[in-house]
Amino acid sequence: MRILFIGDIVGRPGRKTLSILLPQLKKEFAKIDFIIVNGENAAAGKGLTEKIMNDLFDMGVDGITSGNHIWDRSDFYSVLDEEIRVVRPANYPPGCPGQGVSVLSKNGKRLALLNLQGRVFMPD
């Protein structure tokens, strides 16, 4: 299985760069099974919005990981509860919105997407 993982997409410049480079990468590496990005800073460097999430999916992203900045936009919490392609850190306390692990399916293949975050010096 071939997985393309793209690290932190930060703000509009990161999204624009992804929109330019991702089609080229998909063409160059035609046998990519899943495209995963870290999107916790995709909205002006602080969190993720539903519109931006959908824009990333429209670009061909299959899953989105996050980190501590996923909590920066409380209006996104309900999306975390509903959208299995976006995972928050699994090692956060019970009761946090969303899930830390998900199974994605595409073209007869399955990928477990797990998100863990170091918590030393991080806010609760």
PDB file of N, CA and C in Angstrom:
ATOM      1  N   MET A   1       0.854  -1.172   0.000  1.00  0.00           N
ATOM      2  CA  MET A   1       0.000   0.000   0.000  1.00  0.00           C
ATOM      3  C   MET A   1       0.900   1.234   0.000  1.00  0.00           C
ATOM      4  N   ARG A   2       0.507   2.219  -0.797  1.00  0.00           N
ATOM      5  CA  ARG A   2       1.274   3.470  -0.879  1.00  0.00           C
ATOM      6  C   ARG A   2       0.438   4.591  -0.289  1.00  0.00           C
ATOM      7  N   ILE A   3       1.028   5.255   0.715  1.00  0.00           N
ATOM      8  CA  ILE A   3       0.352   6.336   1.426  1.00  0.00           C
ATOM      9  C   ILE A   3       1.200   7.593   1.301  1.00  0.00           C
ATOM     10  N   LEU A   4       0.573   8.670   0.884  1.00  0.00           N
ATOM     11  CA  LEU A   4       1.226   9.976   0.870  1.00  0.00           C
ATOM     12  C   LEU A   4       0.742  10.729   2.096  1.00  0.00           C
ATOM     13  N   PHE A   5       1.665  11.068   2.990  1.00  0.00           N
ATOM     14  CA  PHE A   5       1.315  11.863   4.167  1.00  0.00           C
ATOM     15  C   PHE A   5       1.996  13.206   4.033  1.00  0.00           C
ATOM     16  N   ILE A   6       1.207  14.258   4.122  1.00  0.00           N
ATOM     17  CA  ILE A   6       1.716  15.622   4.012  1.00  0.00           C
ATOM     18  C   ILE A   6       1.555  16.283   5.358  1.00  0.00           C
ATOM     19  N   GLY A   7       2.668  16.766   5.898  1.00  0.00           N
ATOM     20  CA  GLY A   7       2.671  17.400   7.209  1.00  0.00           C
ATOM     21  C   GLY A   7       1.880  18.691   7.229  1.00  0.00           C
ATOM     22  N   ASP A   8       2.027  19.390   8.255  1.00  0.00           N
ATOM     23  CA  ASP A   8       1.206  20.534   8.622  1.00  0.00           C
ATOM     24  C   ASP A   8       0.911  21.495   7.471  1.00  0.00           C
ATOM     25  N   ILE A   9      -0.358  21.611   7.138  1.00  0.00           N
ATOM     26  CA  ILE A   9      -0.828  22.606   6.176  1.00  0.00           C
ATOM     27  C   ILE A   9      -1.202  23.835   6.994  1.00  0.00           C
ATOM     28  N   VAL A  10      -0.507  24.930   6.758  1.00  0.00           N
ATOM     29  CA  VAL A  10      -0.710  26.130   7.574  1.00  0.00           C
ATOM     30  C   VAL A  10      -1.336  27.240   6.739  1.00  0.00           C
ATOM     31  N   GLY A  11      -2.555  27.579   7.100  1.00  0.00           N
ATOM     32  CA  GLY A  11      -3.246  28.724   6.516  1.00  0.00           C
ATOM     33  C   GLY A  11      -3.450  28.658   5.013  1.00  0.00           C
ATOM     34  N   ARG A  12      -3.818  29.822   4.471  1.00  0.00           N
ATOM     35  CA  ARG A  12      -4.089  29.934   3.035  1.00  0.00           C
ATOM     36  C   ARG A  12      -2.860  29.582   2.186  1.00  0.00           C
ATOM     37  N   PRO A  13      -1.634  30.028   2.573  1.00  0.00           N
ATOM     38  CA  PRO A  13      -0.470  29.651   1.758  1.00  0.00           C
ATOM     39  C   PRO A  13      -0.283  28.125   1.674  1.00  0.00           C
ATOM     40  N   GLY A  14      -0.497  27.427   2.777  1.00  0.00           N
ATOM     41  CA  GLY A  14      -0.379  25.970   2.765  1.00  0.00           C
ATOM     42  C   GLY A  14      -1.440  25.315   1.908  1.00  0.00           C
ATOM     43  N   ARG A  15      -2.661  25.821   1.988  1.00  0.00           N
ATOM     44  CA  ARG A  15      -3.746  25.258   1.173  1.00  0.00           C
ATOM     45  C   ARG A  15      -3.503  25.516  -0.307  1.00  0.00           C
ATOM     46  N   LYS A  16      -3.031  26.703  -0.633  1.00  0.00           N
ATOM     47  CA  LYS A  16      -2.757  27.037  -2.033  1.00  0.00           C
ATOM     48  C   LYS A  16      -1.618  26.165  -2.570  1.00  0.00           C
ATOM     49  N   THR A  17      -0.574  25.993  -1.782  1.00  0.00           N
ATOM     50  CA  THR A  17       0.541  25.139  -2.192  1.00  0.00           C
ATOM     51  C   THR A  17       0.058  23.714  -2.428  1.00  0.00           C
ATOM     52  N   LEU A  18      -0.775  23.215  -1.522  1.00  0.00           N
ATOM     53  CA  LEU A  18      -1.321  21.869  -1.690  1.00  0.00           C
ATOM     54  C   LEU A  18      -2.129  21.773  -2.976  1.00  0.00           C
ATOM     55  N   SER A  19      -2.950  22.773  -3.259  1.00  0.00           N
ATOM     56  CA  SER A  19      -3.794  22.729  -4.459  1.00  0.00           C
ATOM     57  C   SER A  19      -2.955  22.731  -5.735  1.00  0.00           C
ATOM     58  N   ILE A  20      -1.772  23.320  -5.683  1.00  0.00           N
ATOM     59  CA  ILE A  20      -0.885  23.351  -6.848  1.00  0.00           C
ATOM     60  C   ILE A  20      -0.081  22.059  -6.966  1.00  0.00           C
ATOM     61  N   LEU A  21       0.477  21.602  -5.837  1.00  0.00           N
ATOM     62  CA  LEU A  21       1.404  20.470  -5.886  1.00  0.00           C
ATOM     63  C   LEU A  21       0.731  19.098  -5.853  1.00  0.00           C
ATOM     64  N   LEU A  22      -0.428  18.993  -5.227  1.00  0.00           N
ATOM     65  CA  LEU A  22      -1.051  17.681  -5.096  1.00  0.00           C
ATOM     66  C   LEU A  22      -1.386  17.036  -6.448  1.00  0.00           C
ATOM     67  N   PRO A  23      -1.941  17.769  -7.407  1.00  0.00           N
ATOM     68  CA  PRO A  23      -2.190  17.136  -8.710  1.00  0.00           C
ATOM     69  C   PRO A  23      -0.895  16.618  -9.360  1.00  0.00           C
ATOM     70  N   GLN A  24       0.197  17.366  -9.199  1.00  0.00           N
ATOM     71  CA  GLN A  24       1.481  16.934  -9.754  1.00  0.00           C
ATOM     72  C   GLN A  24       1.974  15.669  -9.051  1.00  0.00           C
ATOM     73  N   LEU A  25       1.843  15.625  -7.729  1.00  0.00           N
ATOM     74  CA  LEU A  25       2.272  14.443  -6.978  1.00  0.00           C
ATOM     75  C   LEU A  25       1.432  13.228  -7.345  1.00  0.00           C
ATOM     76  N   LYS A  26       0.131  13.436  -7.495  1.00  0.00           N
ATOM     77  CA  LYS A  26      -0.756  12.325  -7.865  1.00  0.00           C
ATOM     78  C   LYS A  26      -0.397  11.783  -9.251  1.00  0.00           C
ATOM     79  N   LYS A  27       0.008  12.669 -10.149  1.00  0.00           N
ATOM     80  CA  LYS A  27       0.396  12.247 -11.489  1.00  0.00           C
ATOM     81  C   LYS A  27       1.747  11.531 -11.457  1.00  0.00           C
ATOM     82  N   GLU A  28       2.694  12.099 -10.718  1.00  0.00           N
ATOM     83  CA  GLU A  28       4.037  11.519 -10.651  1.00  0.00           C
ATOM     84  C   GLU A  28       4.043  10.167  -9.942  1.00  0.00           C
ATOM     85  N   PHE A  29       3.264  10.063  -8.884  1.00  0.00           N
ATOM     86  CA  PHE A  29       3.187   8.827  -8.110  1.00  0.00           C
ATOM     87  C   PHE A  29       1.778   8.258  -8.261  1.00  0.00           C
ATOM     88  N   ALA A  30       1.480   7.786  -9.433  1.00  0.00           N
ATOM     89  CA  ALA A  30       0.119   7.414  -9.811  1.00  0.00           C
ATOM     90  C   ALA A  30      -0.500   6.322  -8.950  1.00  0.00           C
ATOM     91  N   LYS A  31       0.295   5.577  -8.251  1.00  0.00           N
ATOM     92  CA  LYS A  31      -0.252   4.463  -7.482  1.00  0.00           C
ATOM     93  C   LYS A  31      -0.384   4.793  -5.995  1.00  0.00           C
ATOM     94  N   ILE A  32      -0.709   6.018  -5.672  1.00  0.00           N
ATOM     95  CA  ILE A  32      -0.952   6.398  -4.284  1.00  0.00           C
ATOM     96  C   ILE A  32      -2.333   5.870  -3.893  1.00  0.00           C
ATOM     97  N   ASP A  33      -2.374   5.093  -2.817  1.00  0.00           N
ATOM     98  CA  ASP A  33      -3.649   4.526  -2.376  1.00  0.00           C
ATOM     99  C   ASP A  33      -4.438   5.479  -1.491  1.00  0.00           C
ATOM    100  N   PHE A  34      -3.736   6.189  -0.586  1.00  0.00           N
ATOM    101  CA  PHE A  34      -4.395   7.126   0.328  1.00  0.00           C
ATOM    102  C   PHE A  34      -3.541   8.381   0.460  1.00  0.00           C
ATOM    103  N   ILE A  35      -4.217   9.518   0.562  1.00  0.00           N
ATOM    104  CA  ILE A  35      -3.552  10.794   0.811  1.00  0.00           C
ATOM    105  C   ILE A  35      -4.054  11.306   2.156  1.00  0.00           C
ATOM    106  N   ILE A  36      -3.123  11.483   3.076  1.00  0.00           N
ATOM    107  CA  ILE A  36      -3.431  11.947   4.424  1.00  0.00           C
ATOM    108  C   ILE A  36      -2.684  13.253   4.651  1.00  0.00           C
ATOM    109  N   VAL A  37      -3.333  14.226   5.274  1.00  0.00           N
ATOM    110  CA  VAL A  37      -2.675  15.493   5.599  1.00  0.00           C
ATOM    111  C   VAL A  37      -2.913  15.830   7.064  1.00  0.00           C
ATOM    112  N   ASN A  38      -2.003  16.593   7.631  1.00  0.00           N
ATOM    113  CA  ASN A  38      -2.247  17.164   8.947  1.00  0.00           C
ATOM    114  C   ASN A  38      -2.866  18.533   8.698  1.00  0.00           C
ATOM    115  N   GLY A  39      -4.098  18.711   9.185  1.00  0.00           N
ATOM    116  CA  GLY A  39      -4.839  19.925   8.861  1.00  0.00           C
ATOM    117  C   GLY A  39      -5.208  20.783  10.045  1.00  0.00           C
ATOM    118  N   GLU A  40      -4.589  20.560  11.197  1.00  0.00           N
ATOM    119  CA  GLU A  40      -5.000  21.288  12.397  1.00  0.00           C
ATOM    120  C   GLU A  40      -4.700  22.783  12.352  1.00  0.00           C
ATOM    121  N   ASN A  41      -3.863  23.212  11.418  1.00  0.00           N
ATOM    122  CA  ASN A  41      -3.542  24.636  11.292  1.00  0.00           C
ATOM    123  C   ASN A  41      -3.976  25.209   9.946  1.00  0.00           C
ATOM    124  N   ALA A  42      -4.858  24.514   9.254  1.00  0.00           N
ATOM    125  CA  ALA A  42      -5.247  24.909   7.897  1.00  0.00           C
ATOM    126  C   ALA A  42      -6.076  26.193   7.859  1.00  0.00           C
ATOM    127  N   ALA A  43      -6.716  26.547   8.964  1.00  0.00           N
ATOM    128  CA  ALA A  43      -7.538  27.765   9.020  1.00  0.00           C
ATOM    129  C   ALA A  43      -6.740  28.871   9.703  1.00  0.00           C
ATOM    130  N   ALA A  44      -6.003  29.614   8.910  1.00  0.00           N
ATOM    131  CA  ALA A  44      -5.213  30.748   9.410  1.00  0.00           C
ATOM    132  C   ALA A  44      -4.247  30.342  10.517  1.00  0.00           C
ATOM    133  N   GLY A  45      -3.771  29.109  10.460  1.00  0.00           N
ATOM    134  CA  GLY A  45      -2.810  28.642  11.453  1.00  0.00           C
ATOM    135  C   GLY A  45      -3.413  28.213  12.771  1.00  0.00           C
ATOM    136  N   LYS A  46      -4.728  28.234  12.879  1.00  0.00           N
ATOM    137  CA  LYS A  46      -5.399  27.889  14.145  1.00  0.00           C
ATOM    138  C   LYS A  46      -6.663  27.100  13.886  1.00  0.00           C
ATOM    139  N   GLY A  47      -6.555  25.794  13.831  1.00  0.00           N
ATOM    140  CA  GLY A  47      -7.736  24.958  13.718  1.00  0.00           C
ATOM    141  C   GLY A  47      -8.128  24.648  12.285  1.00  0.00           C
ATOM    142  N   LEU A  48      -9.354  24.169  12.166  1.00  0.00           N
ATOM    143  CA  LEU A  48      -9.903  23.717  10.888  1.00  0.00           C
ATOM    144  C   LEU A  48     -11.372  24.126  10.852  1.00  0.00           C
ATOM    145  N   THR A  49     -11.843  24.456   9.666  1.00  0.00           N
ATOM    146  CA  THR A  49     -13.263  24.772   9.494  1.00  0.00           C
ATOM    147  C   THR A  49     -13.881  23.720   8.581  1.00  0.00           C
ATOM    148  N   GLU A  50     -15.189  23.635   8.592  1.00  0.00           N
ATOM    149  CA  GLU A  50     -15.873  22.669   7.740  1.00  0.00           C
ATOM    150  C   GLU A  50     -15.624  22.966   6.263  1.00  0.00           C
ATOM    151  N   LYS A  51     -15.632  24.241   5.890  1.00  0.00           N
ATOM    152  CA  LYS A  51     -15.402  24.608   4.491  1.00  0.00           C
ATOM    153  C   LYS A  51     -14.001  24.196   4.056  1.00  0.00           C
ATOM    154  N   ILE A  52     -13.014  24.495   4.871  1.00  0.00           N
ATOM    155  CA  ILE A  52     -11.639  24.140   4.512  1.00  0.00           C
ATOM    156  C   ILE A  52     -11.483  22.621   4.466  1.00  0.00           C
ATOM    157  N   MET A  53     -12.075  21.918   5.420  1.00  0.00           N
ATOM    158  CA  MET A  53     -12.047  20.453   5.408  1.00  0.00           C
ATOM    159  C   MET A  53     -12.603  19.935   4.079  1.00  0.00           C
ATOM    160  N   ASN A  54     -13.750  20.454   3.665  1.00  0.00           N
ATOM    161  CA  ASN A  54     -14.359  20.017   2.404  1.00  0.00           C
ATOM    162  C   ASN A  54     -13.492  20.375   1.205  1.00  0.00           C
ATOM    163  N   ASP A  55     -12.832  21.541   1.249  1.00  0.00           N
ATOM    164  CA  ASP A  55     -11.908  21.920   0.178  1.00  0.00           C
ATOM    165  C   ASP A  55     -10.763  20.908   0.079  1.00  0.00           C
ATOM    166  N   LEU A  56     -10.236  20.476   1.233  1.00  0.00           N
ATOM    167  CA  LEU A  56      -9.157  19.484   1.235  1.00  0.00           C
ATOM    168  C   LEU A  56      -9.637  18.164   0.652  1.00  0.00           C
ATOM    169  N   PHE A  57     -10.829  17.741   1.040  1.00  0.00           N
ATOM    170  CA  PHE A  57     -11.382  16.503   0.473  1.00  0.00           C
ATOM    171  C   PHE A  57     -11.597  16.645  -1.037  1.00  0.00           C
ATOM    172  N   ASP A  58     -12.058  17.815  -1.475  1.00  0.00           N
ATOM    173  CA  ASP A  58     -12.264  18.050  -2.907  1.00  0.00           C
ATOM    174  C   ASP A  58     -10.952  17.987  -3.698  1.00  0.00           C
ATOM    175  N   MET A  59      -9.837  18.310  -3.033  1.00  0.00           N
ATOM    176  CA  MET A  59      -8.518  18.228  -3.679  1.00  0.00           C
ATOM    177  C   MET A  59      -8.047  16.787  -3.829  1.00  0.00           C
ATOM    178  N   GLY A  60      -8.703  15.873  -3.126  1.00  0.00           N
ATOM    179  CA  GLY A  60      -8.304  14.476  -3.210  1.00  0.00           C
ATOM    180  C   GLY A  60      -7.741  13.907  -1.922  1.00  0.00           C
ATOM    181  N   VAL A  61      -7.772  14.688  -0.853  1.00  0.00           N
ATOM    182  CA  VAL A  61      -7.313  14.202   0.450  1.00  0.00           C
ATOM    183  C   VAL A  61      -8.311  13.154   0.950  1.00  0.00           C
ATOM    184  N   ASP A  62      -7.792  12.072   1.506  1.00  0.00           N
ATOM    185  CA  ASP A  62      -8.652  10.997   2.016  1.00  0.00           C
ATOM    186  C   ASP A  62      -8.860  11.063   3.519  1.00  0.00           C
ATOM    187  N   GLY A  63      -7.897  11.608   4.254  1.00  0.00           N
ATOM    188  CA  GLY A  63      -8.006  11.688   5.706  1.00  0.00           C
ATOM    189  C   GLY A  63      -7.207  12.860   6.241  1.00  0.00           C
ATOM    190  N   ILE A  64      -7.637  13.364   7.395  1.00  0.00           N
ATOM    191  CA  ILE A  64      -6.995  14.527   8.013  1.00  0.00           C
ATOM    192  C   ILE A  64      -6.677  14.204   9.463  1.00  0.00           C
ATOM    193  N   THR A  65      -5.404  14.382   9.826  1.00  0.00           N
ATOM    194  CA  THR A  65      -4.993  14.256  11.222  1.00  0.00           C
ATOM    195  C   THR A  65      -4.932  15.648  11.832  1.00  0.00           C
ATOM    196  N   SER A  66      -4.772  15.678  13.152  1.00  0.00           N
ATOM    197  CA  SER A  66      -4.779  16.974  13.835  1.00  0.00           C
ATOM    198  C   SER A  66      -3.824  16.939  15.023  1.00  0.00           C
ATOM    199  N   GLY A  67      -4.061  17.836  15.939  1.00  0.00           N
ATOM    200  CA  GLY A  67      -3.258  17.973  17.152  1.00  0.00           C
ATOM    201  C   GLY A  67      -3.943  18.965  18.065  1.00  0.00           C
ATOM    202  N   ASN A  68      -3.183  19.646  18.888  1.00  0.00           N
ATOM    203  CA  ASN A  68      -3.778  20.529  19.886  1.00  0.00           C
ATOM    204  C   ASN A  68      -4.574  21.689  19.286  1.00  0.00           C
ATOM    205  N   HIS A  69      -4.235  22.137  18.087  1.00  0.00           N
ATOM    206  CA  HIS A  69      -4.962  23.277  17.503  1.00  0.00           C
ATOM    207  C   HIS A  69      -6.330  22.905  16.935  1.00  0.00           C
ATOM    208  N   ILE A  70      -6.653  21.623  16.920  1.00  0.00           N
ATOM    209  CA  ILE A  70      -7.984  21.230  16.457  1.00  0.00           C
ATOM    210  C   ILE A  70      -9.063  21.806  17.377  1.00  0.00           C
ATOM    211  N   TRP A  71      -8.679  22.155  18.606  1.00  0.00           N
ATOM    212  CA  TRP A  71      -9.640  22.687  19.585  1.00  0.00           C
ATOM    213  C   TRP A  71      -9.789  24.203  19.500  1.00  0.00           C
ATOM    214  N   ASP A  72      -9.080  24.864  18.587  1.00  0.00           N
ATOM    215  CA  ASP A  72      -9.098  26.325  18.514  1.00  0.00           C
ATOM    216  C   ASP A  72     -10.401  26.911  17.978  1.00  0.00           C
ATOM    217  N   ARG A  73     -11.204  26.106  17.313  1.00  0.00           N
ATOM    218  CA  ARG A  73     -12.470  26.590  16.737  1.00  0.00           C
ATOM    219  C   ARG A  73     -13.604  25.685  17.225  1.00  0.00           C
ATOM    220  N   SER A  74     -14.291  26.159  18.259  1.00  0.00           N
ATOM    221  CA  SER A  74     -15.322  25.328  18.891  1.00  0.00           C
ATOM    222  C   SER A  74     -16.465  24.986  17.933  1.00  0.00           C
ATOM    223  N   ASP A  75     -16.678  25.792  16.889  1.00  0.00           N
ATOM    224  CA  ASP A  75     -17.734  25.483  15.928  1.00  0.00           C
ATOM    225  C   ASP A  75     -17.399  24.235  15.101  1.00  0.00           C
ATOM    226  N   PHE A  76     -16.163  23.752  15.179  1.00  0.00           N
ATOM    227  CA  PHE A  76     -15.766  22.560  14.445  1.00  0.00           C
ATOM    228  C   PHE A  76     -15.991  21.284  15.253  1.00  0.00           C
ATOM    229  N   TYR A  77     -16.266  21.406  16.538  1.00  0.00           N
ATOM    230  CA  TYR A  77     -16.430  20.229  17.397  1.00  0.00           C
ATOM    231  C   TYR A  77     -17.508  19.286  16.873  1.00  0.00           C
ATOM    232  N   SER A  78     -18.630  19.833  16.433  1.00  0.00           N
ATOM    233  CA  SER A  78     -19.715  18.964  15.948  1.00  0.00           C
ATOM    234  C   SER A  78     -19.298  18.226  14.678  1.00  0.00           C
ATOM    235  N   VAL A  79     -18.460  18.850  13.861  1.00  0.00           N
ATOM    236  CA  VAL A  79     -17.951  18.192  12.662  1.00  0.00           C
ATOM    237  C   VAL A  79     -17.060  17.021  13.059  1.00  0.00           C
ATOM    238  N   LEU A  80     -16.251  17.212  14.093  1.00  0.00           N
ATOM    239  CA  LEU A  80     -15.396  16.121  14.584  1.00  0.00           C
ATOM    240  C   LEU A  80     -16.221  14.908  14.986  1.00  0.00           C
ATOM    241  N   ASP A  81     -17.389  15.151  15.564  1.00  0.00           N
ATOM    242  CA  ASP A  81     -18.255  14.049  15.979  1.00  0.00           C
ATOM    243  C   ASP A  81     -18.853  13.298  14.792  1.00  0.00           C
ATOM    244  N   GLU A  82     -19.002  13.979  13.656  1.00  0.00           N
ATOM    245  CA  GLU A  82     -19.697  13.401  12.512  1.00  0.00           C
ATOM    246  C   GLU A  82     -18.772  12.884  11.408  1.00  0.00           C
ATOM    247  N   GLU A  83     -17.621  13.494  11.231  1.00  0.00           N
ATOM    248  CA  GLU A  83     -16.760  13.198  10.078  1.00  0.00           C
ATOM    249  C   GLU A  83     -15.640  12.235  10.465  1.00  0.00           C
ATOM    250  N   ILE A  84     -15.765  10.980  10.023  1.00  0.00           N
ATOM    251  CA  ILE A  84     -14.789   9.965  10.424  1.00  0.00           C
ATOM    252  C   ILE A  84     -13.451  10.110   9.710  1.00  0.00           C
ATOM    253  N   ARG A  85     -13.397  10.919   8.665  1.00  0.00           N
ATOM    254  CA  ARG A  85     -12.128  11.101   7.950  1.00  0.00           C
ATOM    255  C   ARG A  85     -11.203  12.108   8.624  1.00  0.00           C
ATOM    256  N   VAL A  86     -11.685  12.751   9.686  1.00  0.00           N
ATOM    257  CA  VAL A  86     -10.862  13.680  10.470  1.00  0.00           C
ATOM    258  C   VAL A  86     -10.688  13.063  11.850  1.00  0.00           C
ATOM    259  N   VAL A  87      -9.435  12.884  12.270  1.00  0.00           N
ATOM    260  CA  VAL A  87      -9.187  12.309  13.582  1.00  0.00           C
ATOM    261  C   VAL A  87      -8.472  13.311  14.477  1.00  0.00           C
ATOM    262  N   ARG A  88      -8.919  13.342  15.721  1.00  0.00           N
ATOM    263  CA  ARG A  88      -8.262  14.145  16.750  1.00  0.00           C
ATOM    264  C   ARG A  88      -7.305  13.215  17.490  1.00  0.00           C
ATOM    265  N   PRO A  89      -6.426  13.763  18.344  1.00  0.00           N
ATOM    266  CA  PRO A  89      -5.530  12.875  19.093  1.00  0.00           C
ATOM    267  C   PRO A  89      -6.325  11.854  19.915  1.00  0.00           C
ATOM    268  N   ALA A  90      -5.987  10.588  19.755  1.00  0.00           N
ATOM    269  CA  ALA A  90      -6.688   9.497  20.442  1.00  0.00           C
ATOM    270  C   ALA A  90      -6.398   9.478  21.937  1.00  0.00           C
ATOM    271  N   ASN A  91      -5.275  10.042  22.333  1.00  0.00           N
ATOM    272  CA  ASN A  91      -4.883   9.991  23.741  1.00  0.00           C
ATOM    273  C   ASN A  91      -5.353  11.210  24.527  1.00  0.00           C
ATOM    274  N   TYR A  92      -6.409  11.867  24.030  1.00  0.00           N
ATOM    275  CA  TYR A  92      -7.059  12.906  24.812  1.00  0.00           C
ATOM    276  C   TYR A  92      -8.108  12.250  25.699  1.00  0.00           C
ATOM    277  N   PRO A  93      -8.532  12.932  26.745  1.00  0.00           N
ATOM    278  CA  PRO A  93      -9.463  12.321  27.707  1.00  0.00           C
ATOM    279  C   PRO A  93     -10.804  11.933  27.089  1.00  0.00           C
ATOM    280  N   PRO A  94     -11.468  10.932  27.694  1.00  0.00           N
ATOM    281  CA  PRO A  94     -12.822  10.572  27.229  1.00  0.00           C
ATOM    282  C   PRO A  94     -13.737  11.794  27.293  1.00  0.00           C
ATOM    283  N   GLY A  95     -14.670  11.846  26.373  1.00  0.00           N
ATOM    284  CA  GLY A  95     -15.614  12.959  26.336  1.00  0.00           C
ATOM    285  C   GLY A  95     -15.231  14.042  25.348  1.00  0.00           C
ATOM    286  N   CYS A  96     -13.994  13.998  24.817  1.00  0.00           N
ATOM    287  CA  CYS A  96     -13.599  14.979  23.808  1.00  0.00           C
ATOM    288  C   CYS A  96     -14.352  14.681  22.510  1.00  0.00           C
ATOM    289  N   PRO A  97     -14.691  15.716  21.759  1.00  0.00           N
ATOM    290  CA  PRO A  97     -15.387  15.482  20.491  1.00  0.00           C
ATOM    291  C   PRO A  97     -14.540  14.643  19.533  1.00  0.00           C
ATOM    292  N   GLY A  98     -15.204  13.920  18.668  1.00  0.00           N
ATOM    293  CA  GLY A  98     -14.537  13.187  17.606  1.00  0.00           C
ATOM    294  C   GLY A  98     -13.950  11.864  18.041  1.00  0.00           C
ATOM    295  N   GLN A  99     -13.112  11.323  17.153  1.00  0.00           N
ATOM    296  CA  GLN A  99     -12.468  10.046  17.410  1.00  0.00           C
ATOM    297  C   GLN A  99     -10.985  10.170  17.086  1.00  0.00           C
ATOM    298  N   GLY A 100     -10.201   9.333  17.748  1.00  0.00           N
ATOM    299  CA  GLY A 100      -8.759   9.358  17.542  1.00  0.00           C
ATOM    300  C   GLY A 100      -8.284   8.305  16.565  1.00  0.00           C
ATOM    301  N   VAL A 101      -9.170   7.420  16.186  1.00  0.00           N
ATOM    302  CA  VAL A 101      -8.844   6.385  15.210  1.00  0.00           C
ATOM    303  C   VAL A 101     -10.035   6.178  14.293  1.00  0.00           C
ATOM    304  N   SER A 102      -9.730   5.906  13.041  1.00  0.00           N
ATOM    305  CA  SER A 102     -10.783   5.685  12.059  1.00  0.00           C
ATOM    306  C   SER A 102     -10.270   4.688  11.026  1.00  0.00           C
ATOM    307  N   VAL A 103     -11.159   4.022  10.358  1.00  0.00           N
ATOM    308  CA  VAL A 103     -10.782   3.126   9.270  1.00  0.00           C
ATOM    309  C   VAL A 103     -11.347   3.708   7.975  1.00  0.00           C
ATOM    310  N   LEU A 104     -10.443   4.007   7.060  1.00  0.00           N
ATOM    311  CA  LEU A 104     -10.825   4.559   5.768  1.00  0.00           C
ATOM    312  C   LEU A 104     -10.836   3.442   4.733  1.00  0.00           C
ATOM    313  N   SER A 105     -11.762   3.488   3.801  1.00  0.00           N
ATOM    314  CA  SER A 105     -11.847   2.502   2.723  1.00  0.00           C
ATOM    315  C   SER A 105     -11.828   3.220   1.386  1.00  0.00           C
ATOM    316  N   LYS A 106     -11.056   2.651   0.465  1.00  0.00           N
ATOM    317  CA  LYS A 106     -10.965   3.259  -0.865  1.00  0.00           C
ATOM    318  C   LYS A 106     -10.456   2.209  -1.846  1.00  0.00           C
ATOM    319  N   ASN A 107     -11.162   2.042  -2.946  1.00  0.00           N
ATOM    320  CA  ASN A 107     -10.746   1.115  -4.003  1.00  0.00           C
ATOM    321  C   ASN A 107     -10.417  -0.284  -3.467  1.00  0.00           C
ATOM    322  N   GLY A 108     -11.251  -0.768  -2.560  1.00  0.00           N
ATOM    323  CA  GLY A 108     -11.069  -2.103  -2.021  1.00  0.00           C
ATOM    324  C   GLY A 108      -9.966  -2.230  -0.979  1.00  0.00           C
ATOM    325  N   LYS A 109      -9.363  -1.125  -0.596  1.00  0.00           N
ATOM    326  CA  LYS A 109      -8.304  -1.149   0.420  1.00  0.00           C
ATOM    327  C   LYS A 109      -8.796  -0.429   1.662  1.00  0.00           C
ATOM    328  N   ARG A 110      -8.238  -0.845   2.794  1.00  0.00           N
ATOM    329  CA  ARG A 110      -8.616  -0.223   4.075  1.00  0.00           C
ATOM    330  C   ARG A 110      -7.362   0.268   4.785  1.00  0.00           C
ATOM    331  N   LEU A 111      -7.487   1.419   5.424  1.00  0.00           N
ATOM    332  CA  LEU A 111      -6.386   2.028   6.154  1.00  0.00           C
ATOM    333  C   LEU A 111      -6.880   2.476   7.518  1.00  0.00           C
ATOM    334  N   ALA A 112      -6.208   2.011   8.564  1.00  0.00           N
ATOM    335  CA  ALA A 112      -6.507   2.513   9.908  1.00  0.00           C
ATOM    336  C   ALA A 112      -5.716   3.805  10.099  1.00  0.00           C
ATOM    337  N   LEU A 113      -6.421   4.853  10.434  1.00  0.00           N
ATOM    338  CA  LEU A 113      -5.817   6.164  10.641  1.00  0.00           C
ATOM    339  C   LEU A 113      -5.864   6.458  12.135  1.00  0.00           C
ATOM    340  N   LEU A 114      -4.701   6.536  12.747  1.00  0.00           N
ATOM    341  CA  LEU A 114      -4.576   6.748  14.195  1.00  0.00           C
ATOM    342  C   LEU A 114      -3.819   8.031  14.427  1.00  0.00           C
ATOM    343  N   ASN A 115      -4.301   8.836  15.343  1.00  0.00           N
ATOM    344  CA  ASN A 115      -3.689  10.118  15.655  1.00  0.00           C
ATOM    345  C   ASN A 115      -3.320  10.130  17.138  1.00  0.00           C
ATOM    346  N   LEU A 116      -2.038  10.259  17.449  1.00  0.00           N
ATOM    347  CA  LEU A 116      -1.572  10.387  18.830  1.00  0.00           C
ATOM    348  C   LEU A 116      -0.769  11.669  18.952  1.00  0.00           C
ATOM    349  N   GLN A 117      -0.774  12.243  20.139  1.00  0.00           N
ATOM    350  CA  GLN A 117      -0.053  13.497  20.347  1.00  0.00           C
ATOM    351  C   GLN A 117       0.702  13.444  21.656  1.00  0.00           C
ATOM    352  N   GLY A 118       1.948  13.897  21.627  1.00  0.00           N
ATOM    353  CA  GLY A 118       2.680  14.073  22.872  1.00  0.00           C
ATOM    354  C   GLY A 118       1.976  15.125  23.710  1.00  0.00           C
ATOM    355  N   ARG A 119       1.933  14.921  25.022  1.00  0.00           N
ATOM    356  CA  ARG A 119       1.164  15.834  25.871  1.00  0.00           C
ATOM    357  C   ARG A 119       2.020  16.592  26.893  1.00  0.00           C
ATOM    358  N   VAL A 120       3.326  16.354  26.888  1.00  0.00           N
ATOM    359  CA  VAL A 120       4.209  17.070  27.809  1.00  0.00           C
ATOM    360  C   VAL A 120       4.198  18.554  27.434  1.00  0.00           C
ATOM    361  N   PHE A 121       3.990  19.386  28.415  1.00  0.00           N
ATOM    362  CA  PHE A 121       3.944  20.854  28.246  1.00  0.00           C
ATOM    363  C   PHE A 121       2.774  21.328  27.389  1.00  0.00           C
ATOM    364  N   MET A 122       1.772  20.486  27.189  1.00  0.00           N
ATOM    365  CA  MET A 122       0.597  20.851  26.415  1.00  0.00           C
ATOM    366  C   MET A 122      -0.555  21.151  27.371  1.00  0.00           C
ATOM    367  N   PRO A 123      -1.444  22.062  26.987  1.00  0.00           N
ATOM    368  CA  PRO A 123      -2.606  22.347  27.852  1.00  0.00           C
ATOM    369  C   PRO A 123      -3.547  21.146  27.919  1.00  0.00           C
ATOM    370  N   ASP A 124      -4.306  21.057  29.009  1.00  0.00           N
ATOM    371  CA  ASP A 124      -5.283  19.980  29.152  1.00  0.00           C
ATOM    372  C   ASP A 124      -6.387  20.125  28.130  1.00  0.00           C
TER     373      ASP A 124
END
